[in-house]
Amino acid sequence: METRRITVLSAGLGVPSSSRLLADQLAASAERQLAASGYAATVDVVELRDLAVDIANNFVTGYAAPRLAEVIAGVVASDGLIAVSPVFSAAYSGLFKSFIDVLDPKTLEGKAVLLGATAGTDRHQMVLDFAMRPLFTYLRTRVAATAVFAGPQDWGNTNDGGSPLSARIDRAAGEFAALLQGAQPQPQPAPMDSMPFEQLLAGISGGR
């Protein structure tokens, strides 16, 4: 049985977090549907709030701390990403974007991606198509056609025990699972470490 590695990125800030809850449900549905198609799945869940300081330091120093480097390596090695962000100021969170910015863009090319977002009102649901989808399209990923938005009213059940949110999750996860079947693009090689500008300048000056 072939195995697909999935990295789940949850950018929720609270504990508990609705973004984490949505991410877990998307991952569970994708895992079930992959199993039904004859694929095993390994799922790594990353809470970006735990990496906030390391992400900020990476921008300042240009180097990833060991914990952040391990997460980045996991993203590079994964076949697909499930990315869920809360909505702030009509866009994905700054923490979510900051993590994406520390990745080398080429490492995401060809990866299957399933998008999700949470917010306190349905007015923010267009963030998926006007902010998150363009971001991952720019990064040349393969984004599932259906993305999932969850507002406060989506966490309850209907009278028959079902949930409209569950139906959307299963549809989106099914499309994501389909992207993960068959031959997958190979991860791009890790970029070579660049020498800090100060060292480059010193080398140039010393050679004169």
N, C-alpha and C. Protein backbone atom coordinates (compact mmCIF):
# COMPACT_ATOMS: atom_id res chain seq x y z
N MET A 1 0.85 -1.20 0.00
CA MET A 1 0.00 0.00 0.00
C MET A 1 0.89 1.26 0.00
N GLU A 2 0.63 2.13 -0.93
CA GLU A 2 1.39 3.37 -0.99
C GLU A 2 0.98 4.30 0.15
N THR A 3 1.93 5.12 0.58
CA THR A 3 1.67 6.04 1.68
C THR A 3 1.82 7.48 1.21
N ARG A 4 0.92 8.33 1.66
CA ARG A 4 1.00 9.75 1.36
C ARG A 4 1.20 10.51 2.67
N ARG A 5 2.15 11.42 2.65
CA ARG A 5 2.44 12.22 3.84
C ARG A 5 1.73 13.56 3.72
N ILE A 6 0.96 13.90 4.75
CA ILE A 6 0.19 15.14 4.77
C ILE A 6 0.65 15.99 5.95
N THR A 7 0.95 17.25 5.69
CA THR A 7 1.26 18.20 6.76
C THR A 7 0.07 19.14 6.93
N VAL A 8 -0.40 19.26 8.15
CA VAL A 8 -1.54 20.11 8.47
C VAL A 8 -1.01 21.37 9.16
N LEU A 9 -1.28 22.52 8.58
CA LEU A 9 -0.87 23.80 9.15
C LEU A 9 -2.08 24.49 9.75
N SER A 10 -2.08 24.66 11.06
CA SER A 10 -3.17 25.36 11.75
C SER A 10 -2.63 26.66 12.33
N ALA A 11 -3.22 27.78 11.90
CA ALA A 11 -2.73 29.09 12.35
C ALA A 11 -3.60 29.68 13.44
N GLY A 12 -4.42 28.87 14.09
CA GLY A 12 -5.25 29.37 15.17
C GLY A 12 -4.40 29.84 16.34
N LEU A 13 -4.90 30.85 17.05
CA LEU A 13 -4.14 31.41 18.16
C LEU A 13 -4.69 30.99 19.52
N GLY A 14 -5.96 30.62 19.58
CA GLY A 14 -6.57 30.26 20.86
C GLY A 14 -6.43 28.79 21.19
N VAL A 15 -6.77 28.48 22.43
CA VAL A 15 -6.82 27.08 22.88
C VAL A 15 -8.11 26.91 23.69
N PRO A 16 -9.09 26.17 23.18
CA PRO A 16 -9.08 25.48 21.89
C PRO A 16 -9.24 26.45 20.72
N SER A 17 -8.96 25.96 19.53
CA SER A 17 -8.99 26.79 18.34
C SER A 17 -9.95 26.20 17.32
N SER A 18 -10.83 27.04 16.78
CA SER A 18 -11.74 26.56 15.73
C SER A 18 -10.96 26.21 14.47
N SER A 19 -9.85 26.90 14.24
CA SER A 19 -9.02 26.57 13.07
C SER A 19 -8.42 25.18 13.22
N ARG A 20 -7.97 24.85 14.42
CA ARG A 20 -7.43 23.50 14.66
C ARG A 20 -8.53 22.46 14.53
N LEU A 21 -9.71 22.77 15.03
CA LEU A 21 -10.83 21.83 14.93
C LEU A 21 -11.17 21.55 13.47
N LEU A 22 -11.23 22.60 12.65
CA LEU A 22 -11.51 22.41 11.23
C LEU A 22 -10.37 21.64 10.56
N ALA A 23 -9.13 21.97 10.89
CA ALA A 23 -7.99 21.28 10.30
C ALA A 23 -8.03 19.78 10.62
N ASP A 24 -8.35 19.45 11.86
CA ASP A 24 -8.41 18.04 12.26
C ASP A 24 -9.50 17.29 11.49
N GLN A 25 -10.64 17.93 11.30
CA GLN A 25 -11.74 17.27 10.59
C GLN A 25 -11.40 17.10 9.11
N LEU A 26 -10.76 18.08 8.51
CA LEU A 26 -10.33 17.94 7.12
C LEU A 26 -9.32 16.81 6.97
N ALA A 27 -8.37 16.73 7.90
CA ALA A 27 -7.35 15.69 7.84
C ALA A 27 -7.96 14.31 8.02
N ALA A 28 -8.90 14.18 8.97
CA ALA A 28 -9.52 12.88 9.23
C ALA A 28 -10.31 12.40 8.01
N SER A 29 -11.04 13.32 7.38
CA SER A 29 -11.81 12.94 6.19
C SER A 29 -10.90 12.55 5.04
N ALA A 30 -9.82 13.31 4.85
CA ALA A 30 -8.88 12.98 3.77
C ALA A 30 -8.24 11.62 4.01
N GLU A 31 -7.90 11.34 5.26
CA GLU A 31 -7.29 10.06 5.58
C GLU A 31 -8.25 8.90 5.31
N ARG A 32 -9.53 9.08 5.67
CA ARG A 32 -10.53 8.04 5.41
C ARG A 32 -10.69 7.81 3.92
N GLN A 33 -10.75 8.88 3.15
CA GLN A 33 -11.01 8.72 1.72
C GLN A 33 -9.78 8.19 0.98
N LEU A 34 -8.60 8.50 1.47
CA LEU A 34 -7.40 7.89 0.90
C LEU A 34 -7.38 6.40 1.18
N ALA A 35 -7.75 6.02 2.41
CA ALA A 35 -7.79 4.60 2.77
C ALA A 35 -8.78 3.84 1.90
N ALA A 36 -9.92 4.47 1.61
CA ALA A 36 -10.92 3.83 0.76
C ALA A 36 -10.40 3.62 -0.65
N SER A 37 -9.41 4.41 -1.06
CA SER A 37 -8.82 4.28 -2.39
C SER A 37 -7.55 3.45 -2.38
N GLY A 38 -7.21 2.86 -1.23
CA GLY A 38 -6.06 1.98 -1.16
C GLY A 38 -4.76 2.65 -0.80
N TYR A 39 -4.81 3.83 -0.19
CA TYR A 39 -3.61 4.55 0.21
C TYR A 39 -3.56 4.72 1.72
N ALA A 40 -2.38 4.56 2.28
CA ALA A 40 -2.18 4.90 3.69
C ALA A 40 -1.79 6.37 3.78
N ALA A 41 -1.97 6.95 4.96
CA ALA A 41 -1.62 8.36 5.14
C ALA A 41 -0.94 8.55 6.49
N THR A 42 0.11 9.35 6.48
CA THR A 42 0.70 9.82 7.73
C THR A 42 0.43 11.32 7.82
N VAL A 43 -0.07 11.74 8.97
CA VAL A 43 -0.50 13.12 9.14
C VAL A 43 0.31 13.78 10.24
N ASP A 44 0.95 14.89 9.89
CA ASP A 44 1.71 15.69 10.87
C ASP A 44 0.99 17.02 11.05
N VAL A 45 0.57 17.30 12.27
CA VAL A 45 -0.15 18.54 12.57
C VAL A 45 0.82 19.56 13.16
N VAL A 46 0.83 20.75 12.60
CA VAL A 46 1.72 21.82 13.06
C VAL A 46 0.87 22.99 13.56
N GLU A 47 1.02 23.33 14.83
CA GLU A 47 0.39 24.52 15.39
C GLU A 47 1.36 25.69 15.22
N LEU A 48 1.04 26.59 14.31
CA LEU A 48 1.98 27.66 14.00
C LEU A 48 2.20 28.61 15.18
N ARG A 49 1.22 28.70 16.08
CA ARG A 49 1.42 29.60 17.23
C ARG A 49 2.62 29.16 18.07
N ASP A 50 2.92 27.86 18.08
CA ASP A 50 4.07 27.37 18.85
C ASP A 50 5.40 27.76 18.21
N LEU A 51 5.35 28.21 16.96
CA LEU A 51 6.57 28.57 16.23
C LEU A 51 6.69 30.07 16.01
N ALA A 52 5.80 30.86 16.63
CA ALA A 52 5.74 32.29 16.33
C ALA A 52 7.07 32.99 16.57
N VAL A 53 7.73 32.71 17.69
CA VAL A 53 8.99 33.37 18.00
C VAL A 53 10.08 32.93 17.02
N ASP A 54 10.13 31.64 16.73
CA ASP A 54 11.13 31.13 15.79
C ASP A 54 10.94 31.72 14.41
N ILE A 55 9.68 31.89 13.99
CA ILE A 55 9.41 32.47 12.68
C ILE A 55 9.90 33.92 12.63
N ALA A 56 9.61 34.68 13.70
CA ALA A 56 10.05 36.08 13.74
C ALA A 56 11.57 36.17 13.74
N ASN A 57 12.22 35.30 14.51
CA ASN A 57 13.70 35.31 14.54
C ASN A 57 14.29 34.95 13.19
N ASN A 58 13.60 34.08 12.44
CA ASN A 58 14.10 33.69 11.13
C ASN A 58 14.19 34.89 10.19
N PHE A 59 13.22 35.81 10.30
CA PHE A 59 13.25 37.00 9.45
C PHE A 59 14.44 37.90 9.81
N VAL A 60 14.78 37.92 11.10
CA VAL A 60 15.85 38.81 11.56
C VAL A 60 17.23 38.22 11.27
N THR A 61 17.38 36.92 11.53
CA THR A 61 18.70 36.29 11.41
C THR A 61 18.95 35.62 10.07
N GLY A 62 17.87 35.25 9.39
CA GLY A 62 18.02 34.53 8.12
C GLY A 62 18.20 33.04 8.30
N TYR A 63 18.13 32.56 9.53
CA TYR A 63 18.31 31.14 9.80
C TYR A 63 17.16 30.61 10.64
N ALA A 64 16.78 29.37 10.39
CA ALA A 64 15.69 28.75 11.13
C ALA A 64 16.23 28.01 12.35
N ALA A 65 15.60 28.21 13.50
CA ALA A 65 15.93 27.46 14.69
C ALA A 65 15.63 25.98 14.44
N PRO A 66 16.24 25.07 15.20
CA PRO A 66 16.06 23.63 14.94
C PRO A 66 14.60 23.19 14.86
N ARG A 67 13.76 23.69 15.75
CA ARG A 67 12.36 23.29 15.72
C ARG A 67 11.68 23.76 14.44
N LEU A 68 11.92 25.00 14.04
CA LEU A 68 11.33 25.52 12.81
C LEU A 68 11.92 24.80 11.60
N ALA A 69 13.22 24.53 11.61
CA ALA A 69 13.85 23.83 10.50
C ALA A 69 13.25 22.44 10.32
N GLU A 70 12.92 21.79 11.43
CA GLU A 70 12.31 20.46 11.34
C GLU A 70 10.93 20.52 10.70
N VAL A 71 10.16 21.54 11.05
CA VAL A 71 8.83 21.71 10.45
C VAL A 71 8.95 22.01 8.97
N ILE A 72 9.87 22.89 8.61
CA ILE A 72 10.07 23.22 7.19
C ILE A 72 10.45 21.98 6.41
N ALA A 73 11.34 21.15 6.96
CA ALA A 73 11.73 19.92 6.28
C ALA A 73 10.54 18.99 6.11
N GLY A 74 9.65 18.97 7.10
CA GLY A 74 8.45 18.15 6.99
C GLY A 74 7.52 18.63 5.90
N VAL A 75 7.39 19.94 5.76
CA VAL A 75 6.57 20.50 4.68
C VAL A 75 7.16 20.13 3.33
N VAL A 76 8.46 20.26 3.20
CA VAL A 76 9.13 19.95 1.94
C VAL A 76 8.93 18.48 1.57
N ALA A 77 8.99 17.60 2.57
CA ALA A 77 8.90 16.16 2.31
C ALA A 77 7.47 15.68 2.13
N SER A 78 6.49 16.49 2.45
CA SER A 78 5.09 16.05 2.39
C SER A 78 4.59 16.02 0.95
N ASP A 79 3.57 15.19 0.74
CA ASP A 79 2.91 15.13 -0.56
C ASP A 79 1.81 16.17 -0.67
N GLY A 80 1.22 16.52 0.46
CA GLY A 80 0.12 17.48 0.42
C GLY A 80 0.04 18.29 1.71
N LEU A 81 -0.58 19.46 1.61
CA LEU A 81 -0.76 20.35 2.75
C LEU A 81 -2.23 20.64 2.98
N ILE A 82 -2.63 20.64 4.24
CA ILE A 82 -3.93 21.16 4.63
C ILE A 82 -3.64 22.44 5.41
N ALA A 83 -4.08 23.57 4.89
CA ALA A 83 -3.72 24.87 5.46
C ALA A 83 -4.98 25.58 5.92
N VAL A 84 -5.06 25.87 7.22
CA VAL A 84 -6.24 26.52 7.79
C VAL A 84 -5.81 27.74 8.59
N SER A 85 -6.45 28.87 8.29
CA SER A 85 -6.11 30.11 8.99
C SER A 85 -7.36 30.80 9.49
N PRO A 86 -7.29 31.44 10.65
CA PRO A 86 -8.37 32.35 11.04
C PRO A 86 -8.28 33.61 10.18
N VAL A 87 -9.37 34.34 10.13
CA VAL A 87 -9.41 35.56 9.32
C VAL A 87 -9.22 36.77 10.22
N PHE A 88 -8.26 37.63 9.84
CA PHE A 88 -8.03 38.90 10.53
C PHE A 88 -8.01 40.00 9.49
N SER A 89 -8.80 41.05 9.71
CA SER A 89 -8.81 42.20 8.80
C SER A 89 -9.02 41.76 7.36
N ALA A 90 -9.96 40.87 7.16
CA ALA A 90 -10.36 40.42 5.82
C ALA A 90 -9.25 39.70 5.07
N ALA A 91 -8.33 39.05 5.79
CA ALA A 91 -7.26 38.30 5.14
C ALA A 91 -6.81 37.19 6.08
N TYR A 92 -5.94 36.31 5.57
CA TYR A 92 -5.37 35.28 6.43
C TYR A 92 -4.51 35.97 7.49
N SER A 93 -4.21 35.24 8.56
CA SER A 93 -3.47 35.85 9.68
C SER A 93 -2.04 36.15 9.30
N GLY A 94 -1.45 37.13 9.99
CA GLY A 94 -0.06 37.46 9.76
C GLY A 94 0.87 36.30 10.09
N LEU A 95 0.52 35.53 11.12
CA LEU A 95 1.34 34.37 11.48
C LEU A 95 1.35 33.35 10.36
N PHE A 96 0.19 33.11 9.77
CA PHE A 96 0.09 32.17 8.66
C PHE A 96 0.96 32.62 7.49
N LYS A 97 0.84 33.88 7.09
CA LYS A 97 1.62 34.40 5.96
C LYS A 97 3.11 34.41 6.27
N SER A 98 3.45 34.71 7.52
CA SER A 98 4.87 34.74 7.88
C SER A 98 5.50 33.36 7.74
N PHE A 99 4.77 32.32 8.12
CA PHE A 99 5.33 30.98 7.96
C PHE A 99 5.51 30.65 6.48
N ILE A 100 4.52 30.98 5.67
CA ILE A 100 4.65 30.73 4.23
C ILE A 100 5.85 31.48 3.67
N ASP A 101 6.10 32.67 4.19
CA ASP A 101 7.20 33.49 3.68
C ASP A 101 8.58 32.92 4.03
N VAL A 102 8.69 32.13 5.09
CA VAL A 102 10.01 31.57 5.42
C VAL A 102 10.32 30.33 4.59
N LEU A 103 9.33 29.81 3.88
CA LEU A 103 9.56 28.66 3.00
C LEU A 103 10.17 29.12 1.68
N ASP A 104 11.05 28.30 1.12
CA ASP A 104 11.50 28.58 -0.24
C ASP A 104 10.34 28.28 -1.18
N PRO A 105 9.89 29.24 -2.00
CA PRO A 105 8.70 29.02 -2.84
C PRO A 105 8.78 27.78 -3.71
N LYS A 106 9.97 27.44 -4.19
CA LYS A 106 10.10 26.30 -5.09
C LYS A 106 9.77 24.97 -4.41
N THR A 107 9.88 24.92 -3.07
CA THR A 107 9.62 23.67 -2.38
C THR A 107 8.14 23.30 -2.36
N LEU A 108 7.27 24.25 -2.70
CA LEU A 108 5.83 23.97 -2.68
C LEU A 108 5.28 23.64 -4.07
N GLU A 109 6.08 23.77 -5.09
CA GLU A 109 5.60 23.55 -6.45
C GLU A 109 5.04 22.13 -6.61
N GLY A 110 3.83 22.06 -7.13
CA GLY A 110 3.22 20.77 -7.44
C GLY A 110 2.54 20.08 -6.28
N LYS A 111 2.67 20.59 -5.06
CA LYS A 111 2.06 19.92 -3.92
C LYS A 111 0.53 20.11 -3.93
N ALA A 112 -0.17 19.07 -3.50
CA ALA A 112 -1.62 19.16 -3.35
C ALA A 112 -1.92 19.97 -2.10
N VAL A 113 -2.90 20.87 -2.18
CA VAL A 113 -3.23 21.75 -1.06
C VAL A 113 -4.74 21.80 -0.87
N LEU A 114 -5.15 21.71 0.39
CA LEU A 114 -6.56 21.86 0.77
C LEU A 114 -6.64 23.07 1.70
N LEU A 115 -7.50 24.01 1.38
CA LEU A 115 -7.59 25.27 2.11
C LEU A 115 -8.81 25.32 3.03
N GLY A 116 -8.62 25.95 4.18
CA GLY A 116 -9.72 26.17 5.11
C GLY A 116 -9.53 27.48 5.83
N ALA A 117 -10.63 28.07 6.30
CA ALA A 117 -10.56 29.33 7.04
C ALA A 117 -11.70 29.36 8.06
N THR A 118 -11.48 30.08 9.14
CA THR A 118 -12.50 30.25 10.17
C THR A 118 -12.61 31.72 10.52
N ALA A 119 -13.80 32.12 10.94
CA ALA A 119 -14.02 33.51 11.33
C ALA A 119 -15.31 33.60 12.13
N GLY A 120 -15.54 34.78 12.71
CA GLY A 120 -16.72 34.99 13.54
C GLY A 120 -17.95 35.39 12.77
N THR A 121 -17.83 35.58 11.46
CA THR A 121 -18.97 35.96 10.63
C THR A 121 -18.78 35.45 9.21
N ASP A 122 -19.88 35.12 8.54
CA ASP A 122 -19.82 34.62 7.16
C ASP A 122 -19.32 35.67 6.18
N ARG A 123 -19.28 36.92 6.58
CA ARG A 123 -18.83 37.97 5.67
C ARG A 123 -17.37 37.76 5.25
N HIS A 124 -16.65 36.93 5.99
CA HIS A 124 -15.23 36.73 5.70
C HIS A 124 -14.96 35.51 4.83
N GLN A 125 -15.99 34.81 4.39
CA GLN A 125 -15.73 33.56 3.69
C GLN A 125 -15.06 33.74 2.33
N MET A 126 -15.13 34.93 1.75
CA MET A 126 -14.49 35.15 0.46
C MET A 126 -12.97 35.22 0.56
N VAL A 127 -12.45 35.25 1.81
CA VAL A 127 -10.99 35.23 1.99
C VAL A 127 -10.38 34.01 1.32
N LEU A 128 -11.10 32.91 1.31
CA LEU A 128 -10.59 31.69 0.70
C LEU A 128 -10.26 31.89 -0.78
N ASP A 129 -11.17 32.53 -1.51
CA ASP A 129 -10.99 32.67 -2.95
C ASP A 129 -10.26 33.93 -3.37
N PHE A 130 -10.25 34.95 -2.49
CA PHE A 130 -9.62 36.21 -2.88
C PHE A 130 -8.29 36.47 -2.19
N ALA A 131 -7.90 35.61 -1.25
CA ALA A 131 -6.61 35.78 -0.59
C ALA A 131 -5.82 34.48 -0.56
N MET A 132 -6.39 33.41 0.03
CA MET A 132 -5.63 32.17 0.19
C MET A 132 -5.40 31.44 -1.12
N ARG A 133 -6.43 31.33 -1.95
CA ARG A 133 -6.25 30.61 -3.21
C ARG A 133 -5.25 31.32 -4.13
N PRO A 134 -5.31 32.65 -4.30
CA PRO A 134 -4.30 33.29 -5.13
C PRO A 134 -2.87 33.10 -4.59
N LEU A 135 -2.72 33.08 -3.26
CA LEU A 135 -1.40 32.87 -2.68
C LEU A 135 -0.83 31.52 -3.09
N PHE A 136 -1.63 30.47 -2.96
CA PHE A 136 -1.12 29.14 -3.27
C PHE A 136 -1.07 28.87 -4.78
N THR A 137 -1.87 29.58 -5.54
CA THR A 137 -1.74 29.49 -6.99
C THR A 137 -0.43 30.13 -7.44
N TYR A 138 -0.09 31.25 -6.84
CA TYR A 138 1.19 31.90 -7.14
C TYR A 138 2.36 30.98 -6.82
N LEU A 139 2.22 30.17 -5.77
CA LEU A 139 3.28 29.25 -5.37
C LEU A 139 3.27 27.97 -6.20
N ARG A 140 2.40 27.90 -7.20
CA ARG A 140 2.35 26.80 -8.16
C ARG A 140 1.98 25.47 -7.51
N THR A 141 1.10 25.53 -6.54
CA THR A 141 0.59 24.30 -5.93
C THR A 141 -0.66 23.85 -6.68
N ARG A 142 -1.11 22.65 -6.37
CA ARG A 142 -2.34 22.11 -6.94
C ARG A 142 -3.42 22.21 -5.86
N VAL A 143 -4.26 23.22 -5.97
CA VAL A 143 -5.24 23.51 -4.92
C VAL A 143 -6.55 22.79 -5.21
N ALA A 144 -7.09 22.10 -4.22
CA ALA A 144 -8.39 21.45 -4.37
C ALA A 144 -9.45 22.48 -4.73
N ALA A 145 -10.37 22.10 -5.60
CA ALA A 145 -11.37 23.04 -6.10
C ALA A 145 -12.26 23.59 -4.99
N THR A 146 -12.58 22.76 -4.01
CA THR A 146 -13.44 23.18 -2.91
C THR A 146 -12.59 23.54 -1.70
N ALA A 147 -12.81 24.74 -1.17
CA ALA A 147 -12.20 25.15 0.09
C ALA A 147 -13.31 25.25 1.13
N VAL A 148 -12.95 25.20 2.40
CA VAL A 148 -13.97 25.11 3.45
C VAL A 148 -13.84 26.29 4.41
N PHE A 149 -14.94 27.02 4.55
CA PHE A 149 -15.03 28.10 5.53
C PHE A 149 -15.97 27.65 6.65
N ALA A 150 -15.61 27.96 7.88
CA ALA A 150 -16.45 27.60 9.02
C ALA A 150 -16.66 28.82 9.90
N GLY A 151 -17.93 29.18 10.08
CA GLY A 151 -18.29 30.25 11.00
C GLY A 151 -18.90 29.66 12.26
N PRO A 152 -19.29 30.50 13.22
CA PRO A 152 -19.83 30.00 14.48
C PRO A 152 -21.05 29.09 14.31
N GLN A 153 -21.89 29.38 13.32
CA GLN A 153 -23.12 28.60 13.15
C GLN A 153 -22.85 27.23 12.53
N ASP A 154 -21.65 27.00 12.04
CA ASP A 154 -21.36 25.74 11.34
C ASP A 154 -21.03 24.59 12.28
N TRP A 155 -20.85 24.86 13.56
CA TRP A 155 -20.41 23.79 14.45
C TRP A 155 -21.55 23.02 15.09
N GLY A 156 -22.81 23.41 14.82
CA GLY A 156 -23.95 22.67 15.34
C GLY A 156 -24.45 21.62 14.36
N ASN A 157 -25.26 20.71 14.82
CA ASN A 157 -25.86 19.67 13.98
C ASN A 157 -27.26 20.05 13.56
N THR A 158 -27.70 19.49 12.45
CA THR A 158 -29.07 19.67 12.00
C THR A 158 -29.97 18.69 12.74
N ASN A 159 -31.28 18.81 12.54
CA ASN A 159 -32.24 17.96 13.25
C ASN A 159 -32.06 16.49 12.94
N ASP A 160 -31.57 16.16 11.74
CA ASP A 160 -31.41 14.76 11.38
C ASP A 160 -30.04 14.21 11.79
N GLY A 161 -29.29 15.00 12.56
CA GLY A 161 -28.00 14.53 13.05
C GLY A 161 -26.85 14.81 12.11
N GLY A 162 -27.14 15.35 10.94
CA GLY A 162 -26.08 15.66 9.99
C GLY A 162 -25.57 17.07 10.18
N SER A 163 -24.62 17.46 9.38
CA SER A 163 -24.04 18.79 9.48
C SER A 163 -23.66 19.28 8.10
N PRO A 164 -24.14 20.46 7.69
CA PRO A 164 -23.71 21.01 6.40
C PRO A 164 -22.20 21.16 6.31
N LEU A 165 -21.55 21.49 7.42
CA LEU A 165 -20.10 21.62 7.43
C LEU A 165 -19.44 20.28 7.13
N SER A 166 -19.96 19.22 7.71
CA SER A 166 -19.39 17.89 7.46
C SER A 166 -19.47 17.52 5.98
N ALA A 167 -20.56 17.90 5.34
CA ALA A 167 -20.71 17.61 3.91
C ALA A 167 -19.67 18.36 3.09
N ARG A 168 -19.43 19.63 3.45
CA ARG A 168 -18.43 20.42 2.73
C ARG A 168 -17.03 19.87 2.99
N ILE A 169 -16.78 19.46 4.21
CA ILE A 169 -15.48 18.89 4.55
C ILE A 169 -15.22 17.63 3.73
N ASP A 170 -16.21 16.75 3.66
CA ASP A 170 -16.03 15.51 2.92
C ASP A 170 -15.82 15.76 1.43
N ARG A 171 -16.53 16.73 0.89
CA ARG A 171 -16.36 17.04 -0.53
C ARG A 171 -14.95 17.58 -0.79
N ALA A 172 -14.52 18.54 0.01
CA ALA A 172 -13.19 19.13 -0.19
C ALA A 172 -12.10 18.10 0.05
N ALA A 173 -12.25 17.29 1.09
CA ALA A 173 -11.24 16.28 1.39
C ALA A 173 -11.18 15.22 0.30
N GLY A 174 -12.32 14.92 -0.30
CA GLY A 174 -12.34 13.96 -1.40
C GLY A 174 -11.57 14.48 -2.61
N GLU A 175 -11.72 15.76 -2.91
CA GLU A 175 -10.97 16.35 -4.01
C GLU A 175 -9.47 16.37 -3.70
N PHE A 176 -9.14 16.66 -2.45
CA PHE A 176 -7.74 16.66 -2.02
C PHE A 176 -7.16 15.25 -2.12
N ALA A 177 -7.91 14.27 -1.66
CA ALA A 177 -7.45 12.87 -1.73
C ALA A 177 -7.22 12.45 -3.17
N ALA A 178 -8.08 12.91 -4.08
CA ALA A 178 -7.91 12.57 -5.50
C ALA A 178 -6.61 13.14 -6.05
N LEU A 179 -6.24 14.34 -5.59
CA LEU A 179 -4.98 14.94 -6.03
C LEU A 179 -3.77 14.16 -5.55
N LEU A 180 -3.94 13.46 -4.43
CA LEU A 180 -2.83 12.71 -3.84
C LEU A 180 -2.67 11.31 -4.42
N GLN A 181 -3.59 10.91 -5.28
CA GLN A 181 -3.50 9.58 -5.86
C GLN A 181 -2.65 9.60 -7.13
N GLY A 182 -2.05 8.47 -7.44
CA GLY A 182 -1.20 8.39 -8.62
C GLY A 182 0.17 8.99 -8.37
N ALA A 183 0.93 9.18 -9.45
CA ALA A 183 2.28 9.71 -9.34
C ALA A 183 2.25 11.14 -8.81
N GLN A 184 3.18 11.45 -7.91
CA GLN A 184 3.25 12.77 -7.29
C GLN A 184 4.52 13.49 -7.72
N PRO A 185 4.46 14.81 -7.82
CA PRO A 185 5.69 15.57 -8.13
C PRO A 185 6.74 15.33 -7.06
N GLN A 186 7.99 15.26 -7.45
CA GLN A 186 9.07 15.05 -6.50
C GLN A 186 9.43 16.36 -5.81
N PRO A 187 9.77 16.28 -4.51
CA PRO A 187 10.18 17.51 -3.80
C PRO A 187 11.37 18.16 -4.47
N GLN A 188 11.35 19.48 -4.49
CA GLN A 188 12.47 20.22 -5.04
C GLN A 188 13.67 20.11 -4.09
N PRO A 189 14.90 20.07 -4.61
CA PRO A 189 16.06 20.02 -3.72
C PRO A 189 16.14 21.25 -2.84
N ALA A 190 16.62 21.06 -1.63
CA ALA A 190 16.75 22.18 -0.69
C ALA A 190 17.72 23.21 -1.26
N PRO A 191 17.38 24.48 -1.14
CA PRO A 191 18.30 25.51 -1.67
C PRO A 191 19.59 25.52 -0.88
N MET A 192 20.70 25.88 -1.54
CA MET A 192 21.99 25.97 -0.87
C MET A 192 21.98 27.14 0.10
N ASP A 193 22.61 26.96 1.26
CA ASP A 193 22.72 28.05 2.22
C ASP A 193 23.54 29.17 1.61
N SER A 194 23.04 30.38 1.75
CA SER A 194 23.76 31.53 1.23
C SER A 194 24.60 32.16 2.34
N MET A 195 25.72 32.72 1.95
CA MET A 195 26.60 33.37 2.92
C MET A 195 26.01 34.72 3.29
N PRO A 196 26.03 35.08 4.58
CA PRO A 196 25.52 36.40 4.98
C PRO A 196 26.20 37.51 4.21
N PHE A 197 25.46 38.60 3.99
CA PHE A 197 25.97 39.71 3.18
C PHE A 197 27.26 40.28 3.76
N GLU A 198 27.36 40.33 5.10
CA GLU A 198 28.55 40.90 5.72
C GLU A 198 29.79 40.08 5.36
N GLN A 199 29.64 38.73 5.32
CA GLN A 199 30.77 37.88 4.98
C GLN A 199 31.13 38.02 3.50
N LEU A 200 30.12 38.13 2.66
CA LEU A 200 30.39 38.33 1.24
C LEU A 200 31.16 39.63 1.01
N LEU A 201 30.72 40.68 1.69
CA LEU A 201 31.36 41.99 1.56
C LEU A 201 32.79 41.94 2.06
N ALA A 202 32.98 41.22 3.19
CA ALA A 202 34.33 41.12 3.74
C ALA A 202 35.26 40.37 2.80
N GLY A 203 34.72 39.33 2.14
CA GLY A 203 35.52 38.56 1.20
C GLY A 203 35.92 39.37 -0.01
N ILE A 204 34.98 40.20 -0.48
CA ILE A 204 35.27 41.05 -1.63
C ILE A 204 36.34 42.07 -1.27
N SER A 205 36.19 42.68 -0.09
CA SER A 205 37.14 43.72 0.33
C SER A 205 38.52 43.11 0.54
N GLY A 206 38.58 41.88 1.10
CA GLY A 206 39.85 41.26 1.39
C GLY A 206 40.61 40.85 0.14
N GLY A 207 39.87 40.69 -0.96
CA GLY A 207 40.51 40.26 -2.20
C GLY A 207 41.10 41.38 -2.99
N ARG A 208 40.88 42.60 -2.56
CA ARG A 208 41.41 43.76 -3.30
C ARG A 208 42.86 44.02 -2.95
